[in-house]
Amino acid sequence: EREREVLDMVARGLDNRRIARELVLSENTVR
């Protein structure tokens, strides 16, 4: 579910830094 959530955000054009901020994760975790 988390990977699908990240993929949805990637598909919306968000970069890793923005995804990390929105999901309250580290950039490393998003990467």
PDB file of all heavy atoms in Angstrom:
ATOM      1  N   GLU A   1       0.842  -1.210   0.000  1.00  0.00           N
ATOM      2  CA  GLU A   1       0.000   0.000   0.000  1.00  0.00           C
ATOM      3  C   GLU A   1       0.876   1.259   0.000  1.00  0.00           C
ATOM      4  O   GLU A   1       0.576   2.223  -0.698  1.00  0.00           O
ATOM      5  CB  GLU A   1      -0.934   0.012   1.214  1.00  0.00           C
ATOM      6  CG  GLU A   1      -2.173  -0.825   1.032  1.00  0.00           C
ATOM      7  CD  GLU A   1      -3.028  -0.393  -0.167  1.00  0.00           C
ATOM      8  OE1 GLU A   1      -3.285   0.813  -0.357  1.00  0.00           O
ATOM      9  OE2 GLU A   1      -3.421  -1.289  -0.931  1.00  0.00           O
ATOM     10  N   ARG A   2       1.953   1.248   0.784  1.00  0.00           N
ATOM     11  CA  ARG A   2       2.836   2.416   0.851  1.00  0.00           C
ATOM     12  C   ARG A   2       3.502   2.652  -0.508  1.00  0.00           C
ATOM     13  O   ARG A   2       3.598   3.775  -0.973  1.00  0.00           O
ATOM     14  CB  ARG A   2       3.884   2.236   1.944  1.00  0.00           C
ATOM     15  CG  ARG A   2       4.890   3.370   2.026  1.00  0.00           C
ATOM     16  CD  ARG A   2       4.231   4.686   2.381  1.00  0.00           C
ATOM     17  NE  ARG A   2       4.214   4.842   3.803  1.00  0.00           N
ATOM     18  CZ  ARG A   2       3.676   5.866   4.431  1.00  0.00           C
ATOM     19  NH1 ARG A   2       3.121   6.847   3.762  1.00  0.00           N
ATOM     20  NH2 ARG A   2       3.689   5.919   5.740  1.00  0.00           N
ATOM     21  N   GLU A   3       3.962   1.572  -1.150  1.00  0.00           N
ATOM     22  CA  GLU A   3       4.591   1.719  -2.467  1.00  0.00           C
ATOM     23  C   GLU A   3       3.588   2.259  -3.483  1.00  0.00           C
ATOM     24  O   GLU A   3       3.926   3.107  -4.305  1.00  0.00           O
ATOM     25  CB  GLU A   3       5.166   0.383  -2.939  1.00  0.00           C
ATOM     26  CG  GLU A   3       6.394  -0.051  -2.163  1.00  0.00           C
ATOM     27  CD  GLU A   3       6.788  -1.495  -2.397  1.00  0.00           C
ATOM     28  OE1 GLU A   3       5.971  -2.292  -2.912  1.00  0.00           O
ATOM     29  OE2 GLU A   3       7.945  -1.836  -2.042  1.00  0.00           O
ATOM     30  N   ARG A   4       2.350   1.793  -3.410  1.00  0.00           N
ATOM     31  CA  ARG A   4       1.317   2.292  -4.326  1.00  0.00           C
ATOM     32  C   ARG A   4       1.058   3.777  -4.063  1.00  0.00           C
ATOM     33  O   ARG A   4       0.880   4.564  -4.983  1.00  0.00           O
ATOM     34  CB  ARG A   4       0.030   1.474  -4.163  1.00  0.00           C
ATOM     35  CG  ARG A   4      -0.951   1.664  -5.290  1.00  0.00           C
ATOM     36  CD  ARG A   4      -2.171   0.746  -5.202  1.00  0.00           C
ATOM     37  NE  ARG A   4      -1.802  -0.643  -5.425  1.00  0.00           N
ATOM     38  CZ  ARG A   4      -1.769  -1.587  -4.483  1.00  0.00           C
ATOM     39  NH1 ARG A   4      -2.108  -1.311  -3.257  1.00  0.00           N
ATOM     40  NH2 ARG A   4      -1.412  -2.816  -4.775  1.00  0.00           N
ATOM     41  N   GLU A   5       1.070   4.161  -2.792  1.00  0.00           N
ATOM     42  CA  GLU A   5       0.888   5.563  -2.417  1.00  0.00           C
ATOM     43  C   GLU A   5       2.041   6.418  -2.964  1.00  0.00           C
ATOM     44  O   GLU A   5       1.821   7.499  -3.522  1.00  0.00           O
ATOM     45  CB  GLU A   5       0.811   5.664  -0.890  1.00  0.00           C
ATOM     46  CG  GLU A   5       0.528   7.035  -0.358  1.00  0.00           C
ATOM     47  CD  GLU A   5       0.399   7.039   1.160  1.00  0.00           C
ATOM     48  OE1 GLU A   5       0.898   6.106   1.841  1.00  0.00           O
ATOM     49  OE2 GLU A   5      -0.213   7.996   1.675  1.00  0.00           O
ATOM     50  N   VAL A   6       3.257   5.925  -2.831  1.00  0.00           N
ATOM     51  CA  VAL A   6       4.425   6.643  -3.358  1.00  0.00           C
ATOM     52  C   VAL A   6       4.347   6.720  -4.876  1.00  0.00           C
ATOM     53  O   VAL A   6       4.578   7.783  -5.469  1.00  0.00           O
ATOM     54  CB  VAL A   6       5.745   5.972  -2.894  1.00  0.00           C
ATOM     55  CG1 VAL A   6       6.939   6.536  -3.637  1.00  0.00           C
ATOM     56  CG2 VAL A   6       5.927   6.126  -1.384  1.00  0.00           C
ATOM     57  N   LEU A   7       3.996   5.623  -5.536  1.00  0.00           N
ATOM     58  CA  LEU A   7       3.883   5.627  -6.997  1.00  0.00           C
ATOM     59  C   LEU A   7       2.826   6.626  -7.455  1.00  0.00           C
ATOM     60  O   LEU A   7       3.028   7.338  -8.444  1.00  0.00           O
ATOM     61  CB  LEU A   7       3.554   4.226  -7.515  1.00  0.00           C
ATOM     62  CG  LEU A   7       3.371   4.087  -9.029  1.00  0.00           C
ATOM     63  CD1 LEU A   7       4.636   4.532  -9.777  1.00  0.00           C
ATOM     64  CD2 LEU A   7       3.007   2.653  -9.387  1.00  0.00           C
ATOM     65  N   ASP A   8       1.710   6.713  -6.742  1.00  0.00           N
ATOM     66  CA  ASP A   8       0.677   7.693  -7.083  1.00  0.00           C
ATOM     67  C   ASP A   8       1.238   9.108  -7.016  1.00  0.00           C
ATOM     68  O   ASP A   8       0.982   9.934  -7.897  1.00  0.00           O
ATOM     69  CB  ASP A   8      -0.517   7.539  -6.135  1.00  0.00           C
ATOM     70  CG  ASP A   8      -1.623   8.516  -6.464  1.00  0.00           C
ATOM     71  OD1 ASP A   8      -2.232   8.383  -7.552  1.00  0.00           O
ATOM     72  OD2 ASP A   8      -1.884   9.414  -5.643  1.00  0.00           O
ATOM     73  N   MET A   9       2.028   9.380  -6.001  1.00  0.00           N
ATOM     74  CA  MET A   9       2.613  10.711  -5.846  1.00  0.00           C
ATOM     75  C   MET A   9       3.668  10.978  -6.927  1.00  0.00           C
ATOM     76  O   MET A   9       3.759  12.093  -7.452  1.00  0.00           O
ATOM     77  CB  MET A   9       3.202  10.860  -4.437  1.00  0.00           C
ATOM     78  CG  MET A   9       2.120  10.786  -3.370  1.00  0.00           C
ATOM     79  SD  MET A   9       2.775  10.744  -1.707  1.00  0.00           S
ATOM     80  CE  MET A   9       2.691  12.488  -1.320  1.00  0.00           C
ATOM     81  N   VAL A  10       4.437   9.959  -7.274  1.00  0.00           N
ATOM     82  CA  VAL A  10       5.404  10.085  -8.370  1.00  0.00           C
ATOM     83  C   VAL A  10       4.658  10.399  -9.659  1.00  0.00           C
ATOM     84  O   VAL A  10       5.048  11.277 -10.424  1.00  0.00           O
ATOM     85  CB  VAL A  10       6.254   8.793  -8.514  1.00  0.00           C
ATOM     86  CG1 VAL A  10       7.043   8.793  -9.815  1.00  0.00           C
ATOM     87  CG2 VAL A  10       7.194   8.627  -7.324  1.00  0.00           C
ATOM     88  N   ALA A  11       3.544   9.706  -9.884  1.00  0.00           N
ATOM     89  CA  ALA A  11       2.747   9.918 -11.098  1.00  0.00           C
ATOM     90  C   ALA A  11       2.120  11.308 -11.129  1.00  0.00           C
ATOM     91  O   ALA A  11       1.815  11.832 -12.207  1.00  0.00           O
ATOM     92  CB  ALA A  11       1.668   8.843 -11.220  1.00  0.00           C
ATOM     93  N   ARG A  12       1.933  11.913  -9.959  1.00  0.00           N
ATOM     94  CA  ARG A  12       1.410  13.284  -9.897  1.00  0.00           C
ATOM     95  C   ARG A  12       2.513  14.317 -10.102  1.00  0.00           C
ATOM     96  O   ARG A  12       2.247  15.515 -10.117  1.00  0.00           O
ATOM     97  CB  ARG A  12       0.721  13.514  -8.555  1.00  0.00           C
ATOM     98  CG  ARG A  12      -0.598  12.763  -8.460  1.00  0.00           C
ATOM     99  CD  ARG A  12      -1.416  13.014  -7.206  1.00  0.00           C
ATOM    100  NE  ARG A  12      -0.842  13.841  -6.185  1.00  0.00           N
ATOM    101  CZ  ARG A  12      -0.802  13.523  -4.892  1.00  0.00           C
ATOM    102  NH1 ARG A  12      -1.288  12.373  -4.471  1.00  0.00           N
ATOM    103  NH2 ARG A  12      -0.275  14.344  -4.023  1.00  0.00           N
ATOM    104  N   GLY A  13       3.756  13.849 -10.234  1.00  0.00           N
ATOM    105  CA  GLY A  13       4.862  14.759 -10.533  1.00  0.00           C
ATOM    106  C   GLY A  13       5.656  15.220  -9.333  1.00  0.00           C
ATOM    107  O   GLY A  13       6.504  16.110  -9.458  1.00  0.00           O
ATOM    108  N   LEU A  14       5.411  14.640  -8.178  1.00  0.00           N
ATOM    109  CA  LEU A  14       6.151  15.054  -6.985  1.00  0.00           C
ATOM    110  C   LEU A  14       7.542  14.434  -6.980  1.00  0.00           C
ATOM    111  O   LEU A  14       7.724  13.296  -7.407  1.00  0.00           O
ATOM    112  CB  LEU A  14       5.404  14.622  -5.722  1.00  0.00           C
ATOM    113  CG  LEU A  14       4.243  15.515  -5.259  1.00  0.00           C
ATOM    114  CD1 LEU A  14       3.128  15.557  -6.266  1.00  0.00           C
ATOM    115  CD2 LEU A  14       3.732  15.030  -3.920  1.00  0.00           C
ATOM    116  N   ASP A  15       8.520  15.201  -6.507  1.00  0.00           N
ATOM    117  CA  ASP A  15       9.870  14.653  -6.389  1.00  0.00           C
ATOM    118  C   ASP A  15      10.015  13.967  -5.028  1.00  0.00           C
ATOM    119  O   ASP A  15       9.123  14.047  -4.179  1.00  0.00           O
ATOM    120  CB  ASP A  15      10.934  15.739  -6.593  1.00  0.00           C
ATOM    121  CG  ASP A  15      10.891  16.850  -5.546  1.00  0.00           C
ATOM    122  OD1 ASP A  15      10.254  16.685  -4.497  1.00  0.00           O
ATOM    123  OD2 ASP A  15      11.516  17.896  -5.787  1.00  0.00           O
ATOM    124  N   ASN A  16      11.121  13.280  -4.833  1.00  0.00           N
ATOM    125  CA  ASN A  16      11.321  12.508  -3.597  1.00  0.00           C
ATOM    126  C   ASN A  16      11.261  13.379  -2.348  1.00  0.00           C
ATOM    127  O   ASN A  16      10.709  12.969  -1.329  1.00  0.00           O
ATOM    128  CB  ASN A  16      12.654  11.751  -3.644  1.00  0.00           C
ATOM    129  CG  ASN A  16      12.623  10.606  -4.628  1.00  0.00           C
ATOM    130  OD1 ASN A  16      11.601  10.313  -5.246  1.00  0.00           O
ATOM    131  ND2 ASN A  16      13.752   9.933  -4.797  1.00  0.00           N
ATOM    132  N   ARG A  17      11.812  14.577  -2.425  1.00  0.00           N
ATOM    133  CA  ARG A  17      11.823  15.467  -1.259  1.00  0.00           C
ATOM    134  C   ARG A  17      10.386  15.824  -0.844  1.00  0.00           C
ATOM    135  O   ARG A  17      10.017  15.758   0.312  1.00  0.00           O
ATOM    136  CB  ARG A  17      12.620  16.729  -1.562  1.00  0.00           C
ATOM    137  CG  ARG A  17      12.602  17.732  -0.412  1.00  0.00           C
ATOM    138  CD  ARG A  17      13.524  18.874  -0.647  1.00  0.00           C
ATOM    139  NE  ARG A  17      14.884  18.338  -0.465  1.00  0.00           N
ATOM    140  CZ  ARG A  17      15.978  18.901  -0.923  1.00  0.00           C
ATOM    141  NH1 ARG A  17      15.914  20.026  -1.600  1.00  0.00           N
ATOM    142  NH2 ARG A  17      17.149  18.367  -0.718  1.00  0.00           N
ATOM    143  N   ARG A  18       9.563  16.163  -1.833  1.00  0.00           N
ATOM    144  CA  ARG A  18       8.165  16.532  -1.554  1.00  0.00           C
ATOM    145  C   ARG A  18       7.374  15.330  -1.035  1.00  0.00           C
ATOM    146  O   ARG A  18       6.571  15.453  -0.110  1.00  0.00           O
ATOM    147  CB  ARG A  18       7.536  17.085  -2.827  1.00  0.00           C
ATOM    148  CG  ARG A  18       6.074  17.414  -2.714  1.00  0.00           C
ATOM    149  CD  ARG A  18       5.849  18.812  -2.147  1.00  0.00           C
ATOM    150  NE  ARG A  18       4.435  19.069  -1.983  1.00  0.00           N
ATOM    151  CZ  ARG A  18       3.657  19.603  -2.911  1.00  0.00           C
ATOM    152  NH1 ARG A  18       4.168  19.972  -4.062  1.00  0.00           N
ATOM    153  NH2 ARG A  18       2.380  19.805  -2.670  1.00  0.00           N
ATOM    154  N   ILE A  19       7.603  14.159  -1.621  1.00  0.00           N
ATOM    155  CA  ILE A  19       6.932  12.946  -1.145  1.00  0.00           C
ATOM    156  C   ILE A  19       7.314  12.680   0.307  1.00  0.00           C
ATOM    157  O   ILE A  19       6.455  12.379   1.139  1.00  0.00           O
ATOM    158  CB  ILE A  19       7.284  11.738  -2.047  1.00  0.00           C
ATOM    159  CG1 ILE A  19       6.699  11.940  -3.450  1.00  0.00           C
ATOM    160  CG2 ILE A  19       6.769  10.436  -1.432  1.00  0.00           C
ATOM    161  CD1 ILE A  19       7.200  10.940  -4.482  1.00  0.00           C
ATOM    162  N   ALA A  20       8.597  12.825   0.615  1.00  0.00           N
ATOM    163  CA  ALA A  20       9.077  12.602   1.988  1.00  0.00           C
ATOM    164  C   ALA A  20       8.385  13.557   2.956  1.00  0.00           C
ATOM    165  O   ALA A  20       7.933  13.132   4.034  1.00  0.00           O
ATOM    166  CB  ALA A  20      10.590  12.778   2.047  1.00  0.00           C
ATOM    167  N   ARG A  21       8.274  14.825   2.589  1.00  0.00           N
ATOM    168  CA  ARG A  21       7.610  15.806   3.451  1.00  0.00           C
ATOM    169  C   ARG A  21       6.143  15.440   3.673  1.00  0.00           C
ATOM    170  O   ARG A  21       5.651  15.466   4.794  1.00  0.00           O
ATOM    171  CB  ARG A  21       7.698  17.203   2.843  1.00  0.00           C
ATOM    172  CG  ARG A  21       8.914  17.973   3.250  1.00  0.00           C
ATOM    173  CD  ARG A  21       8.782  19.470   3.014  1.00  0.00           C
ATOM    174  NE  ARG A  21       8.156  19.809   1.745  1.00  0.00           N
ATOM    175  CZ  ARG A  21       8.806  20.200   0.654  1.00  0.00           C
ATOM    176  NH1 ARG A  21      10.113  20.301   0.665  1.00  0.00           N
ATOM    177  NH2 ARG A  21       8.161  20.500  -0.439  1.00  0.00           N
ATOM    178  N   GLU A  22       5.439  15.099   2.585  1.00  0.00           N
ATOM    179  CA  GLU A  22       4.007  14.819   2.697  1.00  0.00           C
ATOM    180  C   GLU A  22       3.710  13.540   3.470  1.00  0.00           C
ATOM    181  O   GLU A  22       2.695  13.454   4.147  1.00  0.00           O
ATOM    182  CB  GLU A  22       3.363  14.766   1.312  1.00  0.00           C
ATOM    183  CG  GLU A  22       3.290  16.141   0.686  1.00  0.00           C
ATOM    184  CD  GLU A  22       2.283  16.244  -0.438  1.00  0.00           C
ATOM    185  OE1 GLU A  22       1.384  15.381  -0.531  1.00  0.00           O
ATOM    186  OE2 GLU A  22       2.391  17.206  -1.204  1.00  0.00           O
ATOM    187  N   LEU A  23       4.587  12.552   3.364  1.00  0.00           N
ATOM    188  CA  LEU A  23       4.362  11.274   4.053  1.00  0.00           C
ATOM    189  C   LEU A  23       5.091  11.188   5.392  1.00  0.00           C
ATOM    190  O   LEU A  23       5.007  10.167   6.075  1.00  0.00           O
ATOM    191  CB  LEU A  23       4.787  10.105   3.158  1.00  0.00           C
ATOM    192  CG  LEU A  23       3.992   9.932   1.870  1.00  0.00           C
ATOM    193  CD1 LEU A  23       4.542   8.757   1.059  1.00  0.00           C
ATOM    194  CD2 LEU A  23       2.517   9.746   2.152  1.00  0.00           C
ATOM    195  N   VAL A  24       5.811  12.271   5.736  1.00  0.00           N
ATOM    196  CA  VAL A  24       6.599  12.330   6.964  1.00  0.00           C
ATOM    197  C   VAL A  24       7.561  11.142   7.018  1.00  0.00           C
ATOM    198  O   VAL A  24       7.562  10.319   7.935  1.00  0.00           O
ATOM    199  CB  VAL A  24       5.695  12.388   8.227  1.00  0.00           C
ATOM    200  CG1 VAL A  24       6.535  12.726   9.451  1.00  0.00           C
ATOM    201  CG2 VAL A  24       4.560  13.369   8.065  1.00  0.00           C
ATOM    202  N   LEU A  25       8.373  11.047   5.966  1.00  0.00           N
ATOM    203  CA  LEU A  25       9.403  10.014   5.835  1.00  0.00           C
ATOM    204  C   LEU A  25      10.717  10.692   5.514  1.00  0.00           C
ATOM    205  O   LEU A  25      10.747  11.851   5.109  1.00  0.00           O
ATOM    206  CB  LEU A  25       9.061   9.048   4.691  1.00  0.00           C
ATOM    207  CG  LEU A  25       7.770   8.253   4.781  1.00  0.00           C
ATOM    208  CD1 LEU A  25       7.506   7.540   3.471  1.00  0.00           C
ATOM    209  CD2 LEU A  25       7.849   7.263   5.934  1.00  0.00           C
ATOM    210  N   SER A  26      11.809   9.966   5.651  1.00  0.00           N
ATOM    211  CA  SER A  26      13.096  10.509   5.217  1.00  0.00           C
ATOM    212  C   SER A  26      13.191  10.356   3.698  1.00  0.00           C
ATOM    213  O   SER A  26      12.530   9.498   3.104  1.00  0.00           O
ATOM    214  CB  SER A  26      14.252   9.772   5.899  1.00  0.00           C
ATOM    215  OG  SER A  26      14.393   8.481   5.338  1.00  0.00           O
ATOM    216  N   GLU A  27      14.009  11.182   3.075  1.00  0.00           N
ATOM    217  CA  GLU A  27      14.220  11.067   1.628  1.00  0.00           C
ATOM    218  C   GLU A  27      14.822   9.705   1.282  1.00  0.00           C
ATOM    219  O   GLU A  27      14.510   9.141   0.234  1.00  0.00           O
ATOM    220  CB  GLU A  27      15.125  12.189   1.120  1.00  0.00           C
ATOM    221  CG  GLU A  27      14.395  13.493   0.941  1.00  0.00           C
ATOM    222  CD  GLU A  27      15.265  14.530   0.265  1.00  0.00           C
ATOM    223  OE1 GLU A  27      15.632  14.335  -0.918  1.00  0.00           O
ATOM    224  OE2 GLU A  27      15.579  15.529   0.935  1.00  0.00           O
ATOM    225  N   ASN A  28      15.680   9.182   2.164  1.00  0.00           N
ATOM    226  CA  ASN A  28      16.262   7.860   1.946  1.00  0.00           C
ATOM    227  C   ASN A  28      15.185   6.784   1.857  1.00  0.00           C
ATOM    228  O   ASN A  28      15.238   5.902   1.013  1.00  0.00           O
ATOM    229  CB  ASN A  28      17.223   7.509   3.080  1.00  0.00           C
ATOM    230  CG  ASN A  28      18.658   7.522   2.634  1.00  0.00           C
ATOM    231  OD1 ASN A  28      18.943   7.759   1.464  1.00  0.00           O
ATOM    232  ND2 ASN A  28      19.551   7.275   3.574  1.00  0.00           N
ATOM    233  N   THR A  29      14.207   6.861   2.752  1.00  0.00           N
ATOM    234  CA  THR A  29      13.118   5.884   2.746  1.00  0.00           C
ATOM    235  C   THR A  29      12.319   5.987   1.449  1.00  0.00           C
ATOM    236  O   THR A  29      11.985   4.973   0.837  1.00  0.00           O
ATOM    237  CB  THR A  29      12.199   6.089   3.971  1.00  0.00           C
ATOM    238  OG1 THR A  29      12.982   5.925   5.156  1.00  0.00           O
ATOM    239  CG2 THR A  29      11.048   5.109   3.975  1.00  0.00           C
ATOM    240  N   VAL A  30      12.039   7.199   1.025  1.00  0.00           N
ATOM    241  CA  VAL A  30      11.303   7.393  -0.235  1.00  0.00           C
ATOM    242  C   VAL A  30      12.121   6.843  -1.395  1.00  0.00           C
ATOM    243  O   VAL A  30      11.595   6.140  -2.262  1.00  0.00           O
ATOM    244  CB  VAL A  30      10.945   8.878  -0.457  1.00  0.00           C
ATOM    245  CG1 VAL A  30      10.365   9.093  -1.848  1.00  0.00           C
ATOM    246  CG2 VAL A  30       9.980   9.354   0.614  1.00  0.00           C
ATOM    247  N   ARG A  31      13.412   7.121  -1.403  1.00  0.00           N
ATOM    248  CA  ARG A  31      14.298   6.605  -2.464  1.00  0.00           C
ATOM    249  C   ARG A  31      14.257   5.080  -2.502  1.00  0.00           C
ATOM    250  O   ARG A  31      14.208   4.467  -3.568  1.00  0.00           O
ATOM    251  CB  ARG A  31      15.730   7.102  -2.233  1.00  0.00           C
ATOM    252  CG  ARG A  31      16.332   7.719  -3.452  1.00  0.00           C
ATOM    253  CD  ARG A  31      17.784   8.169  -3.295  1.00  0.00           C
ATOM    254  NE  ARG A  31      18.310   8.386  -1.957  1.00  0.00           N
ATOM    255  CZ  ARG A  31      18.326   9.554  -1.328  1.00  0.00           C
ATOM    256  NH1 ARG A  31      17.824  10.631  -1.905  1.00  0.00           N
ATOM    257  NH2 ARG A  31      18.849   9.652  -0.131  1.00  0.00           N
TER     258      ARG A  31
END
